[in-house]
Amino acid sequence: MPEKVQFYFDEHIPSAVAHALRQRGINVLTAQDAGRCGLPDTDQLQFAAEQGRLLVTFDTDYLALAAEGMGHAGIAYCHPTKYSIGQLIQSLLLVHSMLDRAAVARSC
């Protein structure tokens, strides 16, 4: 069975989202957990790629880095005010149910 996608949350994603996903057995690492708060976006994206984790962010700078050709293991961007915490959780549950780590690696 393919290994499910794992997430890396930038420092602005609410901790309640990580908590809810972890309660459902989903592997989530946050910038806070990793001691990486305040580091440049390039460092965060590189770390997520090295860990094989899909980066979850509200920051469009990551999309610009990807457009410039910086490697990554996937980026899930959401406008910071578009969804409630519950809606964000539901969206990430859907992403998790649809993607495995190998598929994310192949698409990037």
C-alpha atoms as a PDB file:
ATOM      1  CA  MET A   1       0.000   0.000   0.000  1.00  0.00           C
ATOM      2  CA  PRO A   2       1.435   3.419  -0.912  1.00  0.00           C
ATOM      3  CA  GLU A   3       2.584   5.668   1.916  1.00  0.00           C
ATOM      4  CA  LYS A   4       0.217   8.604   2.439  1.00  0.00           C
ATOM      5  CA  VAL A   5       1.367  12.167   1.943  1.00  0.00           C
ATOM      6  CA  GLN A   6       2.914  13.860   4.977  1.00  0.00           C
ATOM      7  CA  PHE A   7       2.466  17.544   5.739  1.00  0.00           C
ATOM      8  CA  TYR A   8       4.780  20.344   6.815  1.00  0.00           C
ATOM      9  CA  PHE A   9       2.883  23.411   8.088  1.00  0.00           C
ATOM     10  CA  ASP A  10       4.465  26.822   7.897  1.00  0.00           C
ATOM     11  CA  GLU A  11       4.313  28.851  11.087  1.00  0.00           C
ATOM     12  CA  HIS A  12       1.056  30.632  10.223  1.00  0.00           C
ATOM     13  CA  ILE A  13      -1.191  27.577   9.931  1.00  0.00           C
ATOM     14  CA  PRO A  14      -3.305  27.349  13.121  1.00  0.00           C
ATOM     15  CA  SER A  15      -2.190  24.676  15.571  1.00  0.00           C
ATOM     16  CA  ALA A  16      -5.799  23.458  15.750  1.00  0.00           C
ATOM     17  CA  VAL A  17      -5.456  22.225  12.161  1.00  0.00           C
ATOM     18  CA  ALA A  18      -2.363  20.168  12.981  1.00  0.00           C
ATOM     19  CA  HIS A  19      -4.040  18.827  16.120  1.00  0.00           C
ATOM     20  CA  ALA A  20      -7.178  17.749  14.248  1.00  0.00           C
ATOM     21  CA  LEU A  21      -5.205  15.981  11.527  1.00  0.00           C
ATOM     22  CA  ARG A  22      -2.960  14.238  14.043  1.00  0.00           C
ATOM     23  CA  GLN A  23      -6.057  12.985  15.892  1.00  0.00           C
ATOM     24  CA  ARG A  24      -6.957  11.266  12.625  1.00  0.00           C
ATOM     25  CA  GLY A  25      -3.524   9.615  12.383  1.00  0.00           C
ATOM     26  CA  ILE A  26      -2.091  11.976   9.767  1.00  0.00           C
ATOM     27  CA  ASN A  27       1.610  12.784   9.908  1.00  0.00           C
ATOM     28  CA  VAL A  28       1.995  16.549  10.403  1.00  0.00           C
ATOM     29  CA  LEU A  29       5.183  18.426  11.254  1.00  0.00           C
ATOM     30  CA  THR A  30       4.907  22.137  12.000  1.00  0.00           C
ATOM     31  CA  ALA A  31       7.567  24.818  11.754  1.00  0.00           C
ATOM     32  CA  GLN A  32       7.128  25.244  15.505  1.00  0.00           C
ATOM     33  CA  ASP A  33       7.698  21.523  16.178  1.00  0.00           C
ATOM     34  CA  ALA A  34      10.798  21.547  13.994  1.00  0.00           C
ATOM     35  CA  GLY A  35      12.219  24.705  15.603  1.00  0.00           C
ATOM     36  CA  ARG A  36      12.203  26.469  12.227  1.00  0.00           C
ATOM     37  CA  CYS A  37      10.044  29.553  12.873  1.00  0.00           C
ATOM     38  CA  GLY A  38      11.367  32.746  11.322  1.00  0.00           C
ATOM     39  CA  LEU A  39      13.615  31.055   8.774  1.00  0.00           C
ATOM     40  CA  PRO A  40      13.534  32.276   5.152  1.00  0.00           C
ATOM     41  CA  ASP A  41      10.942  30.773   2.827  1.00  0.00           C
ATOM     42  CA  THR A  42      13.675  29.192   0.705  1.00  0.00           C
ATOM     43  CA  ASP A  43      14.976  27.326   3.746  1.00  0.00           C
ATOM     44  CA  GLN A  44      11.487  26.199   4.739  1.00  0.00           C
ATOM     45  CA  LEU A  45      10.661  24.918   1.267  1.00  0.00           C
ATOM     46  CA  GLN A  46      13.997  23.120   0.984  1.00  0.00           C
ATOM     47  CA  PHE A  47      13.479  21.508   4.405  1.00  0.00           C
ATOM     48  CA  ALA A  48      10.007  20.302   3.439  1.00  0.00           C
ATOM     49  CA  ALA A  49      11.394  18.881   0.181  1.00  0.00           C
ATOM     50  CA  GLU A  50      14.239  17.101   1.983  1.00  0.00           C
ATOM     51  CA  GLN A  51      11.693  15.593   4.363  1.00  0.00           C
ATOM     52  CA  GLY A  52       9.412  14.597   1.459  1.00  0.00           C
ATOM     53  CA  ARG A  53       6.578  16.637   2.955  1.00  0.00           C
ATOM     54  CA  LEU A  54       3.909  18.675   1.239  1.00  0.00           C
ATOM     55  CA  LEU A  55       4.166  22.274   2.480  1.00  0.00           C
ATOM     56  CA  VAL A  56       0.886  23.796   3.708  1.00  0.00           C
ATOM     57  CA  THR A  57       0.901  27.588   3.673  1.00  0.00           C
ATOM     58  CA  PHE A  58      -1.015  30.852   3.443  1.00  0.00           C
ATOM     59  CA  ASP A  59       2.069  32.541   1.889  1.00  0.00           C
ATOM     60  CA  THR A  60       2.107  33.196  -1.877  1.00  0.00           C
ATOM     61  CA  ASP A  61       5.906  33.589  -1.763  1.00  0.00           C
ATOM     62  CA  TYR A  62       6.153  29.795  -1.879  1.00  0.00           C
ATOM     63  CA  LEU A  63       4.200  29.740  -5.133  1.00  0.00           C
ATOM     64  CA  ALA A  64       6.640  32.275  -6.584  1.00  0.00           C
ATOM     65  CA  LEU A  65       9.602  30.120  -5.513  1.00  0.00           C
ATOM     66  CA  ALA A  66       8.047  27.092  -7.202  1.00  0.00           C
ATOM     67  CA  ALA A  67       7.379  29.137 -10.360  1.00  0.00           C
ATOM     68  CA  GLU A  68      11.047  30.151 -10.359  1.00  0.00           C
ATOM     69  CA  GLY A  69      11.978  26.479 -10.411  1.00  0.00           C
ATOM     70  CA  MET A  70      12.804  25.788  -6.783  1.00  0.00           C
ATOM     71  CA  GLY A  71      12.298  22.111  -6.032  1.00  0.00           C
ATOM     72  CA  HIS A  72       9.644  21.002  -3.573  1.00  0.00           C
ATOM     73  CA  ALA A  73       7.591  17.992  -2.539  1.00  0.00           C
ATOM     74  CA  GLY A  74       4.310  19.785  -3.130  1.00  0.00           C
ATOM     75  CA  ILE A  75       2.699  23.006  -1.952  1.00  0.00           C
ATOM     76  CA  ALA A  76      -0.854  23.339  -0.667  1.00  0.00           C
ATOM     77  CA  TYR A  77      -1.675  27.045  -0.707  1.00  0.00           C
ATOM     78  CA  CYS A  78      -4.799  28.581   0.761  1.00  0.00           C
ATOM     79  CA  HIS A  79      -5.678  32.256   1.053  1.00  0.00           C
ATOM     80  CA  PRO A  80      -5.544  33.045   4.794  1.00  0.00           C
ATOM     81  CA  THR A  81      -9.138  34.250   5.069  1.00  0.00           C
ATOM     82  CA  LYS A  82     -10.846  32.005   2.531  1.00  0.00           C
ATOM     83  CA  TYR A  83     -11.728  29.068   4.774  1.00  0.00           C
ATOM     84  CA  SER A  84     -12.576  28.498   8.406  1.00  0.00           C
ATOM     85  CA  ILE A  85     -10.357  26.190  10.416  1.00  0.00           C
ATOM     86  CA  GLY A  86     -12.916  23.411   9.958  1.00  0.00           C
ATOM     87  CA  GLN A  87     -12.997  23.912   6.197  1.00  0.00           C
ATOM     88  CA  LEU A  88      -9.195  23.907   6.055  1.00  0.00           C
ATOM     89  CA  ILE A  89      -9.127  20.652   7.998  1.00  0.00           C
ATOM     90  CA  GLN A  90     -11.676  19.103   5.622  1.00  0.00           C
ATOM     91  CA  SER A  91      -9.674  20.279   2.582  1.00  0.00           C
ATOM     92  CA  LEU A  92      -6.452  18.772   3.927  1.00  0.00           C
ATOM     93  CA  LEU A  93      -8.251  15.531   4.770  1.00  0.00           C
ATOM     94  CA  LEU A  94      -9.300  15.395   1.130  1.00  0.00           C
ATOM     95  CA  VAL A  95      -5.738  16.063  -0.055  1.00  0.00           C
ATOM     96  CA  HIS A  96      -4.472  13.359   2.284  1.00  0.00           C
ATOM     97  CA  SER A  97      -7.036  10.857   1.053  1.00  0.00           C
ATOM     98  CA  MET A  98      -6.148  11.487  -2.583  1.00  0.00           C
ATOM     99  CA  LEU A  99      -2.342  11.684  -2.575  1.00  0.00           C
ATOM    100  CA  ASP A 100       0.458   9.377  -1.638  1.00  0.00           C
ATOM    101  CA  ARG A 101       4.062  10.444  -1.161  1.00  0.00           C
ATOM    102  CA  ALA A 102       5.207   8.873  -4.417  1.00  0.00           C
ATOM    103  CA  ALA A 103       2.556  10.742  -6.432  1.00  0.00           C
ATOM    104  CA  VAL A 104       3.567  14.052  -4.875  1.00  0.00           C
ATOM    105  CA  ALA A 105       7.242  13.383  -5.625  1.00  0.00           C
ATOM    106  CA  ARG A 106       6.463  12.524  -9.257  1.00  0.00           C
ATOM    107  CA  SER A 107       4.342  15.635  -9.823  1.00  0.00           C
ATOM    108  CA  CYS A 108       6.952  18.129  -8.680  1.00  0.00           C
END
